[in-house]
Amino acid sequence: MQSYEKLPSLSEANMSTELSTEIINELNSLSVESQLRVLQFIRALKPVRPGMSGTTLRQFVGIMSDADAQEMKDAIRSGCEKVDIDEW
């Protein structure tokens, strides 16, 4: 079993900066594969946003034909994936 050092006691004001720096220093010493594992772990720690359960979503399975679904994908692709730099 791997042992872990006791985490340093940080004041709330310094915690974010010092802790972030410490985490980044440790992360930079890892291989890319290990960094990806850390990223997956961090994402797993974050609370899940509320939404519909899979069971609730099952009621919508098959509600749209393949042709309608493709038409919707095409509309999204053509209308939403473009950036108009002069728009703003």
PDB file of N, CA and C in Angstrom:
ATOM      1  N   MET A   1       0.847  -1.188   0.000  1.00  0.00           N
ATOM      2  CA  MET A   1       0.000   0.000   0.000  1.00  0.00           C
ATOM      3  C   MET A   1       0.886   1.242   0.000  1.00  0.00           C
ATOM      4  N   GLN A   2       0.504   2.203  -0.801  1.00  0.00           N
ATOM      5  CA  GLN A   2       1.299   3.421  -0.933  1.00  0.00           C
ATOM      6  C   GLN A   2       1.026   4.351   0.250  1.00  0.00           C
ATOM      7  N   SER A   3       2.066   4.973   0.750  1.00  0.00           N
ATOM      8  CA  SER A   3       1.877   5.920   1.849  1.00  0.00           C
ATOM      9  C   SER A   3       1.809   7.333   1.287  1.00  0.00           C
ATOM     10  N   TYR A   4       1.100   8.154   1.972  1.00  0.00           N
ATOM     11  CA  TYR A   4       0.912   9.546   1.545  1.00  0.00           C
ATOM     12  C   TYR A   4       1.419  10.475   2.638  1.00  0.00           C
ATOM     13  N   GLU A   5       2.052  11.532   2.198  1.00  0.00           N
ATOM     14  CA  GLU A   5       2.506  12.531   3.147  1.00  0.00           C
ATOM     15  C   GLU A   5       1.291  13.266   3.695  1.00  0.00           C
ATOM     16  N   LYS A   6       1.428  13.742   4.912  1.00  0.00           N
ATOM     17  CA  LYS A   6       0.364  14.549   5.490  1.00  0.00           C
ATOM     18  C   LYS A   6       0.260  15.849   4.692  1.00  0.00           C
ATOM     19  N   LEU A   7      -0.958  16.234   4.361  1.00  0.00           N
ATOM     20  CA  LEU A   7      -1.161  17.463   3.593  1.00  0.00           C
ATOM     21  C   LEU A   7      -0.796  18.666   4.442  1.00  0.00           C
ATOM     22  N   PRO A   8      -0.142  19.649   3.840  1.00  0.00           N
ATOM     23  CA  PRO A   8       0.233  20.842   4.604  1.00  0.00           C
ATOM     24  C   PRO A   8      -1.001  21.628   5.013  1.00  0.00           C
ATOM     25  N   SER A   9      -0.903  22.289   6.147  1.00  0.00           N
ATOM     26  CA  SER A   9      -1.989  23.137   6.611  1.00  0.00           C
ATOM     27  C   SER A   9      -1.835  24.507   5.953  1.00  0.00           C
ATOM     28  N   LEU A  10      -2.829  24.889   5.207  1.00  0.00           N
ATOM     29  CA  LEU A  10      -2.756  26.165   4.492  1.00  0.00           C
ATOM     30  C   LEU A  10      -3.890  27.076   4.939  1.00  0.00           C
ATOM     31  N   SER A  11      -3.603  28.360   5.013  1.00  0.00           N
ATOM     32  CA  SER A  11      -4.675  29.298   5.312  1.00  0.00           C
ATOM     33  C   SER A  11      -5.591  29.361   4.104  1.00  0.00           C
ATOM     34  N   GLU A  12      -6.815  29.715   4.324  1.00  0.00           N
ATOM     35  CA  GLU A  12      -7.781  29.758   3.223  1.00  0.00           C
ATOM     36  C   GLU A  12      -7.340  30.711   2.126  1.00  0.00           C
ATOM     37  N   ALA A  13      -6.728  31.834   2.485  1.00  0.00           N
ATOM     38  CA  ALA A  13      -6.291  32.825   1.502  1.00  0.00           C
ATOM     39  C   ALA A  13      -5.202  32.271   0.599  1.00  0.00           C
ATOM     40  N   ASN A  14      -4.288  31.484   1.153  1.00  0.00           N
ATOM     41  CA  ASN A  14      -3.176  30.941   0.380  1.00  0.00           C
ATOM     42  C   ASN A  14      -3.470  29.569  -0.207  1.00  0.00           C
ATOM     43  N   MET A  15      -4.546  28.943   0.241  1.00  0.00           N
ATOM     44  CA  MET A  15      -4.818  27.571  -0.139  1.00  0.00           C
ATOM     45  C   MET A  15      -4.916  27.389  -1.644  1.00  0.00           C
ATOM     46  N   SER A  16      -5.685  28.210  -2.285  1.00  0.00           N
ATOM     47  CA  SER A  16      -5.908  28.026  -3.709  1.00  0.00           C
ATOM     48  C   SER A  16      -4.619  28.119  -4.503  1.00  0.00           C
ATOM     49  N   THR A  17      -3.860  29.173  -4.296  1.00  0.00           N
ATOM     50  CA  THR A  17      -2.624  29.383  -5.052  1.00  0.00           C
ATOM     51  C   THR A  17      -1.567  28.353  -4.700  1.00  0.00           C
ATOM     52  N   GLU A  18      -1.316  28.161  -3.427  1.00  0.00           N
ATOM     53  CA  GLU A  18      -0.275  27.228  -3.006  1.00  0.00           C
ATOM     54  C   GLU A  18      -0.646  25.791  -3.344  1.00  0.00           C
ATOM     55  N   LEU A  19      -1.883  25.435  -3.128  1.00  0.00           N
ATOM     56  CA  LEU A  19      -2.320  24.075  -3.413  1.00  0.00           C
ATOM     57  C   LEU A  19      -2.286  23.802  -4.911  1.00  0.00           C
ATOM     58  N   SER A  20      -2.748  24.752  -5.696  1.00  0.00           N
ATOM     59  CA  SER A  20      -2.701  24.596  -7.154  1.00  0.00           C
ATOM     60  C   SER A  20      -1.273  24.435  -7.639  1.00  0.00           C
ATOM     61  N   THR A  21      -0.372  25.232  -7.106  1.00  0.00           N
ATOM     62  CA  THR A  21       1.032  25.143  -7.492  1.00  0.00           C
ATOM     63  C   THR A  21       1.598  23.776  -7.128  1.00  0.00           C
ATOM     64  N   GLU A  22       1.307  23.317  -5.931  1.00  0.00           N
ATOM     65  CA  GLU A  22       1.791  22.007  -5.480  1.00  0.00           C
ATOM     66  C   GLU A  22       1.238  20.890  -6.369  1.00  0.00           C
ATOM     67  N   ILE A  23      -0.036  20.960  -6.687  1.00  0.00           N
ATOM     68  CA  ILE A  23      -0.649  19.940  -7.537  1.00  0.00           C
ATOM     69  C   ILE A  23      -0.020  19.952  -8.928  1.00  0.00           C
ATOM     70  N   ILE A  24       0.161  21.122  -9.484  1.00  0.00           N
ATOM     71  CA  ILE A  24       0.763  21.237 -10.823  1.00  0.00           C
ATOM     72  C   ILE A  24       2.194  20.709 -10.817  1.00  0.00           C
ATOM     73  N   ASN A  25       2.963  21.026  -9.776  1.00  0.00           N
ATOM     74  CA  ASN A  25       4.339  20.512  -9.680  1.00  0.00           C
ATOM     75  C   ASN A  25       4.350  18.990  -9.653  1.00  0.00           C
ATOM     76  N   GLU A  26       3.460  18.404  -8.867  1.00  0.00           N
ATOM     77  CA  GLU A  26       3.383  16.946  -8.794  1.00  0.00           C
ATOM     78  C   GLU A  26       2.917  16.369 -10.134  1.00  0.00           C
ATOM     79  N   LEU A  27       1.946  17.002 -10.732  1.00  0.00           N
ATOM     80  CA  LEU A  27       1.401  16.535 -12.003  1.00  0.00           C
ATOM     81  C   LEU A  27       2.452  16.555 -13.102  1.00  0.00           C
ATOM     82  N   ASN A  28       3.258  17.600 -13.129  1.00  0.00           N
ATOM     83  CA  ASN A  28       4.302  17.724 -14.152  1.00  0.00           C
ATOM     84  C   ASN A  28       5.366  16.641 -14.040  1.00  0.00           C
ATOM     85  N   SER A  29       5.490  16.024 -12.876  1.00  0.00           N
ATOM     86  CA  SER A  29       6.487  14.971 -12.711  1.00  0.00           C
ATOM     87  C   SER A  29       5.981  13.608 -13.176  1.00  0.00           C
ATOM     88  N   LEU A  30       4.721  13.519 -13.555  1.00  0.00           N
ATOM     89  CA  LEU A  30       4.124  12.256 -13.977  1.00  0.00           C
ATOM     90  C   LEU A  30       4.198  12.073 -15.487  1.00  0.00           C
ATOM     91  N   SER A  31       4.091  10.836 -15.911  1.00  0.00           N
ATOM     92  CA  SER A  31       4.012  10.537 -17.349  1.00  0.00           C
ATOM     93  C   SER A  31       2.662  11.028 -17.873  1.00  0.00           C
ATOM     94  N   VAL A  32       2.565  11.147 -19.186  1.00  0.00           N
ATOM     95  CA  VAL A  32       1.309  11.598 -19.791  1.00  0.00           C
ATOM     96  C   VAL A  32       0.187  10.626 -19.438  1.00  0.00           C
ATOM     97  N   GLU A  33       0.476   9.339 -19.459  1.00  0.00           N
ATOM     98  CA  GLU A  33      -0.534   8.334 -19.110  1.00  0.00           C
ATOM     99  C   GLU A  33      -1.040   8.547 -17.683  1.00  0.00           C
ATOM    100  N   SER A  34      -0.125   8.791 -16.762  1.00  0.00           N
ATOM    101  CA  SER A  34      -0.514   9.033 -15.369  1.00  0.00           C
ATOM    102  C   SER A  34      -1.283  10.342 -15.231  1.00  0.00           C
ATOM    103  N   GLN A  35      -0.896  11.353 -15.979  1.00  0.00           N
ATOM    104  CA  GLN A  35      -1.620  12.624 -15.947  1.00  0.00           C
ATOM    105  C   GLN A  35      -3.058  12.426 -16.411  1.00  0.00           C
ATOM    106  N   LEU A  36      -3.252  11.597 -17.429  1.00  0.00           N
ATOM    107  CA  LEU A  36      -4.611  11.321 -17.905  1.00  0.00           C
ATOM    108  C   LEU A  36      -5.421  10.593 -16.837  1.00  0.00           C
ATOM    109  N   ARG A  37      -4.768   9.690 -16.095  1.00  0.00           N
ATOM    110  CA  ARG A  37      -5.461   9.003 -15.004  1.00  0.00           C
ATOM    111  C   ARG A  37      -5.869   9.991 -13.922  1.00  0.00           C
ATOM    112  N   VAL A  38      -4.973  10.941 -13.622  1.00  0.00           N
ATOM    113  CA  VAL A  38      -5.289  11.972 -12.628  1.00  0.00           C
ATOM    114  C   VAL A  38      -6.483  12.801 -13.102  1.00  0.00           C
ATOM    115  N   LEU A  39      -6.486  13.165 -14.366  1.00  0.00           N
ATOM    116  CA  LEU A  39      -7.590  13.946 -14.918  1.00  0.00           C
ATOM    117  C   LEU A  39      -8.908  13.191 -14.785  1.00  0.00           C
ATOM    118  N   GLN A  40      -8.892  11.901 -15.104  1.00  0.00           N
ATOM    119  CA  GLN A  40     -10.103  11.094 -14.944  1.00  0.00           C
ATOM    120  C   GLN A  40     -10.548  11.066 -13.491  1.00  0.00           C
ATOM    121  N   PHE A  41      -9.595  10.946 -12.586  1.00  0.00           N
ATOM    122  CA  PHE A  41      -9.919  10.915 -11.156  1.00  0.00           C
ATOM    123  C   PHE A  41     -10.535  12.232 -10.705  1.00  0.00           C
ATOM    124  N   ILE A  42      -9.943  13.339 -11.150  1.00  0.00           N
ATOM    125  CA  ILE A  42     -10.464  14.658 -10.781  1.00  0.00           C
ATOM    126  C   ILE A  42     -11.896  14.811 -11.281  1.00  0.00           C
ATOM    127  N   ARG A  43     -12.132  14.420 -12.509  1.00  0.00           N
ATOM    128  CA  ARG A  43     -13.488  14.516 -13.065  1.00  0.00           C
ATOM    129  C   ARG A  43     -14.467  13.638 -12.303  1.00  0.00           C
ATOM    130  N   ALA A  44     -13.998  12.492 -11.821  1.00  0.00           N
ATOM    131  CA  ALA A  44     -14.862  11.602 -11.051  1.00  0.00           C
ATOM    132  C   ALA A  44     -15.210  12.197  -9.686  1.00  0.00           C
ATOM    133  N   LEU A  45     -14.351  13.049  -9.159  1.00  0.00           N
ATOM    134  CA  LEU A  45     -14.599  13.674  -7.862  1.00  0.00           C
ATOM    135  C   LEU A  45     -15.665  14.766  -7.920  1.00  0.00           C
ATOM    136  N   LYS A  46     -15.815  15.367  -9.099  1.00  0.00           N
ATOM    137  CA  LYS A  46     -16.756  16.477  -9.229  1.00  0.00           C
ATOM    138  C   LYS A  46     -18.190  15.962  -9.118  1.00  0.00           C
ATOM    139  N   PRO A  47     -19.039  16.716  -8.455  1.00  0.00           N
ATOM    140  CA  PRO A  47     -20.428  16.276  -8.329  1.00  0.00           C
ATOM    141  C   PRO A  47     -21.105  16.235  -9.697  1.00  0.00           C
ATOM    142  N   VAL A  48     -21.964  15.279  -9.846  1.00  0.00           N
ATOM    143  CA  VAL A  48     -22.708  15.133 -11.094  1.00  0.00           C
ATOM    144  C   VAL A  48     -23.821  16.171 -11.119  1.00  0.00           C
ATOM    145  N   ARG A  49     -23.929  16.831 -12.258  1.00  0.00           N
ATOM    146  CA  ARG A  49     -25.012  17.812 -12.379  1.00  0.00           C
ATOM    147  C   ARG A  49     -26.334  17.069 -12.503  1.00  0.00           C
ATOM    148  N   PRO A  50     -27.375  17.609 -11.882  1.00  0.00           N
ATOM    149  CA  PRO A  50     -28.667  16.935 -11.976  1.00  0.00           C
ATOM    150  C   PRO A  50     -29.177  16.937 -13.413  1.00  0.00           C
ATOM    151  N   GLY A  51     -29.872  15.926 -13.756  1.00  0.00           N
ATOM    152  CA  GLY A  51     -30.436  15.810 -15.099  1.00  0.00           C
ATOM    153  C   GLY A  51     -31.417  14.659 -15.116  1.00  0.00           C
ATOM    154  N   MET A  52     -31.753  14.236 -16.303  1.00  0.00           N
ATOM    155  CA  MET A  52     -32.694  13.126 -16.440  1.00  0.00           C
ATOM    156  C   MET A  52     -31.950  11.804 -16.293  1.00  0.00           C
ATOM    157  N   SER A  53     -32.605  10.861 -15.668  1.00  0.00           N
ATOM    158  CA  SER A  53     -32.018   9.534 -15.546  1.00  0.00           C
ATOM    159  C   SER A  53     -32.164   8.802 -16.872  1.00  0.00           C
ATOM    160  N   GLY A  54     -31.349   7.785 -17.052  1.00  0.00           N
ATOM    161  CA  GLY A  54     -31.451   6.975 -18.260  1.00  0.00           C
ATOM    162  C   GLY A  54     -32.824   6.354 -18.408  1.00  0.00           C
ATOM    163  N   THR A  55     -33.400   5.965 -17.286  1.00  0.00           N
ATOM    164  CA  THR A  55     -34.736   5.367 -17.313  1.00  0.00           C
ATOM    165  C   THR A  55     -35.758   6.355 -17.858  1.00  0.00           C
ATOM    166  N   THR A  56     -35.661   7.599 -17.443  1.00  0.00           N
ATOM    167  CA  THR A  56     -36.574   8.628 -17.926  1.00  0.00           C
ATOM    168  C   THR A  56     -36.373   8.885 -19.413  1.00  0.00           C
ATOM    169  N   LEU A  57     -35.126   8.866 -19.848  1.00  0.00           N
ATOM    170  CA  LEU A  57     -34.836   9.146 -21.252  1.00  0.00           C
ATOM    171  C   LEU A  57     -35.261   8.013 -22.186  1.00  0.00           C
ATOM    172  N   ARG A  58     -35.388   6.792 -21.659  1.00  0.00           N
ATOM    173  CA  ARG A  58     -35.772   5.654 -22.504  1.00  0.00           C
ATOM    174  C   ARG A  58     -37.105   5.859 -23.202  1.00  0.00           C
ATOM    175  N   GLN A  59     -37.964   6.656 -22.622  1.00  0.00           N
ATOM    176  CA  GLN A  59     -39.269   6.879 -23.245  1.00  0.00           C
ATOM    177  C   GLN A  59     -39.156   7.564 -24.604  1.00  0.00           C
ATOM    178  N   PHE A  60     -38.002   8.183 -24.878  1.00  0.00           N
ATOM    179  CA  PHE A  60     -37.821   8.896 -26.131  1.00  0.00           C
ATOM    180  C   PHE A  60     -37.142   8.051 -27.213  1.00  0.00           C
ATOM    181  N   VAL A  61     -36.725   6.836 -26.861  1.00  0.00           N
ATOM    182  CA  VAL A  61     -36.069   5.959 -27.824  1.00  0.00           C
ATOM    183  C   VAL A  61     -37.044   5.629 -28.949  1.00  0.00           C
ATOM    184  N   GLY A  62     -36.572   5.840 -30.179  1.00  0.00           N
ATOM    185  CA  GLY A  62     -37.379   5.496 -31.354  1.00  0.00           C
ATOM    186  C   GLY A  62     -38.436   6.519 -31.719  1.00  0.00           C
ATOM    187  N   ILE A  63     -38.472   7.637 -31.030  1.00  0.00           N
ATOM    188  CA  ILE A  63     -39.499   8.644 -31.282  1.00  0.00           C
ATOM    189  C   ILE A  63     -39.263   9.376 -32.603  1.00  0.00           C
ATOM    190  N   MET A  64     -38.027   9.344 -33.077  1.00  0.00           N
ATOM    191  CA  MET A  64     -37.661  10.073 -34.291  1.00  0.00           C
ATOM    192  C   MET A  64     -37.132   9.075 -35.320  1.00  0.00           C
ATOM    193  N   SER A  65     -37.522   9.275 -36.561  1.00  0.00           N
ATOM    194  CA  SER A  65     -37.010   8.392 -37.615  1.00  0.00           C
ATOM    195  C   SER A  65     -35.537   8.700 -37.871  1.00  0.00           C
ATOM    196  N   ASP A  66     -34.842   7.751 -38.496  1.00  0.00           N
ATOM    197  CA  ASP A  66     -33.433   7.966 -38.835  1.00  0.00           C
ATOM    198  C   ASP A  66     -33.275   9.173 -39.748  1.00  0.00           C
ATOM    199  N   ALA A  67     -34.199   9.339 -40.699  1.00  0.00           N
ATOM    200  CA  ALA A  67     -34.123  10.464 -41.637  1.00  0.00           C
ATOM    201  C   ALA A  67     -34.293  11.791 -40.899  1.00  0.00           C
ATOM    202  N   ASP A  68     -35.244  11.846 -39.960  1.00  0.00           N
ATOM    203  CA  ASP A  68     -35.450  13.071 -39.181  1.00  0.00           C
ATOM    204  C   ASP A  68     -34.240  13.379 -38.301  1.00  0.00           C
ATOM    205  N   ALA A  69     -33.664  12.329 -37.710  1.00  0.00           N
ATOM    206  CA  ALA A  69     -32.485  12.520 -36.868  1.00  0.00           C
ATOM    207  C   ALA A  69     -31.319  13.046 -37.699  1.00  0.00           C
ATOM    208  N   GLN A  70     -31.139  12.498 -38.907  1.00  0.00           N
ATOM    209  CA  GLN A  70     -30.063  12.962 -39.775  1.00  0.00           C
ATOM    210  C   GLN A  70     -30.299  14.406 -40.193  1.00  0.00           C
ATOM    211  N   GLU A  71     -31.540  14.758 -40.480  1.00  0.00           N
ATOM    212  CA  GLU A  71     -31.872  16.139 -40.857  1.00  0.00           C
ATOM    213  C   GLU A  71     -31.552  17.095 -39.711  1.00  0.00           C
ATOM    214  N   MET A  72     -31.849  16.676 -38.489  1.00  0.00           N
ATOM    215  CA  MET A  72     -31.556  17.513 -37.321  1.00  0.00           C
ATOM    216  C   MET A  72     -30.046  17.664 -37.147  1.00  0.00           C
ATOM    217  N   LYS A  73     -29.295  16.572 -37.291  1.00  0.00           N
ATOM    218  CA  LYS A  73     -27.825  16.644 -37.194  1.00  0.00           C
ATOM    219  C   LYS A  73     -27.260  17.594 -38.230  1.00  0.00           C
ATOM    220  N   ASP A  74     -27.766  17.487 -39.469  1.00  0.00           N
ATOM    221  CA  ASP A  74     -27.279  18.349 -40.550  1.00  0.00           C
ATOM    222  C   ASP A  74     -27.579  19.815 -40.259  1.00  0.00           C
ATOM    223  N   ALA A  75     -28.775  20.093 -39.725  1.00  0.00           N
ATOM    224  CA  ALA A  75     -29.157  21.466 -39.410  1.00  0.00           C
ATOM    225  C   ALA A  75     -28.262  22.042 -38.308  1.00  0.00           C
ATOM    226  N   ILE A  76     -27.971  21.229 -37.305  1.00  0.00           N
ATOM    227  CA  ILE A  76     -27.101  21.670 -36.220  1.00  0.00           C
ATOM    228  C   ILE A  76     -25.693  21.917 -36.751  1.00  0.00           C
ATOM    229  N   ARG A  77     -25.213  20.970 -37.549  1.00  0.00           N
ATOM    230  CA  ARG A  77     -23.860  21.092 -38.100  1.00  0.00           C
ATOM    231  C   ARG A  77     -23.730  22.343 -38.958  1.00  0.00           C
ATOM    232  N   SER A  78     -24.706  22.609 -39.796  1.00  0.00           N
ATOM    233  CA  SER A  78     -24.602  23.755 -40.709  1.00  0.00           C
ATOM    234  C   SER A  78     -24.899  25.081 -40.005  1.00  0.00           C
ATOM    235  N   GLY A  79     -25.734  25.066 -38.990  1.00  0.00           N
ATOM    236  CA  GLY A  79     -26.129  26.310 -38.344  1.00  0.00           C
ATOM    237  C   GLY A  79     -25.393  26.649 -37.071  1.00  0.00           C
ATOM    238  N   CYS A  80     -24.857  25.653 -36.406  1.00  0.00           N
ATOM    239  CA  CYS A  80     -24.270  25.886 -35.085  1.00  0.00           C
ATOM    240  C   CYS A  80     -22.761  25.757 -35.031  1.00  0.00           C
ATOM    241  N   GLU A  81     -22.168  25.191 -36.028  1.00  0.00           N
ATOM    242  CA  GLU A  81     -20.730  24.961 -35.983  1.00  0.00           C
ATOM    243  C   GLU A  81     -19.934  26.010 -36.747  1.00  0.00           C
ATOM    244  N   LYS A  82     -20.548  27.164 -36.981  1.00  0.00           N
ATOM    245  CA  LYS A  82     -19.857  28.233 -37.689  1.00  0.00           C
ATOM    246  C   LYS A  82     -19.741  29.443 -36.784  1.00  0.00           C
ATOM    247  N   VAL A  83     -18.647  30.125 -36.894  1.00  0.00           N
ATOM    248  CA  VAL A  83     -18.420  31.326 -36.087  1.00  0.00           C
ATOM    249  C   VAL A  83     -18.402  32.527 -37.027  1.00  0.00           C
ATOM    250  N   ASP A  84     -19.259  33.490 -36.739  1.00  0.00           N
ATOM    251  CA  ASP A  84     -19.268  34.742 -37.494  1.00  0.00           C
ATOM    252  C   ASP A  84     -18.515  35.775 -36.683  1.00  0.00           C
ATOM    253  N   ILE A  85     -17.290  36.043 -37.048  1.00  0.00           N
ATOM    254  CA  ILE A  85     -16.416  36.939 -36.292  1.00  0.00           C
ATOM    255  C   ILE A  85     -17.009  38.344 -36.201  1.00  0.00           C
ATOM    256  N   ASP A  86     -17.734  38.768 -37.216  1.00  0.00           N
ATOM    257  CA  ASP A  86     -18.310  40.112 -37.238  1.00  0.00           C
ATOM    258  C   ASP A  86     -19.655  40.194 -36.540  1.00  0.00           C
ATOM    259  N   GLU A  87     -20.152  39.070 -36.025  1.00  0.00           N
ATOM    260  CA  GLU A  87     -21.470  39.048 -35.398  1.00  0.00           C
ATOM    261  C   GLU A  87     -21.528  39.950 -34.169  1.00  0.00           C
ATOM    262  N   TRP A  88     -20.459  40.019 -33.396  1.00  0.00           N
ATOM    263  CA  TRP A  88     -20.452  40.818 -32.174  1.00  0.00           C
ATOM    264  C   TRP A  88     -19.887  42.160 -32.493  1.00  0.00           C
TER     265      TRP A  88
END
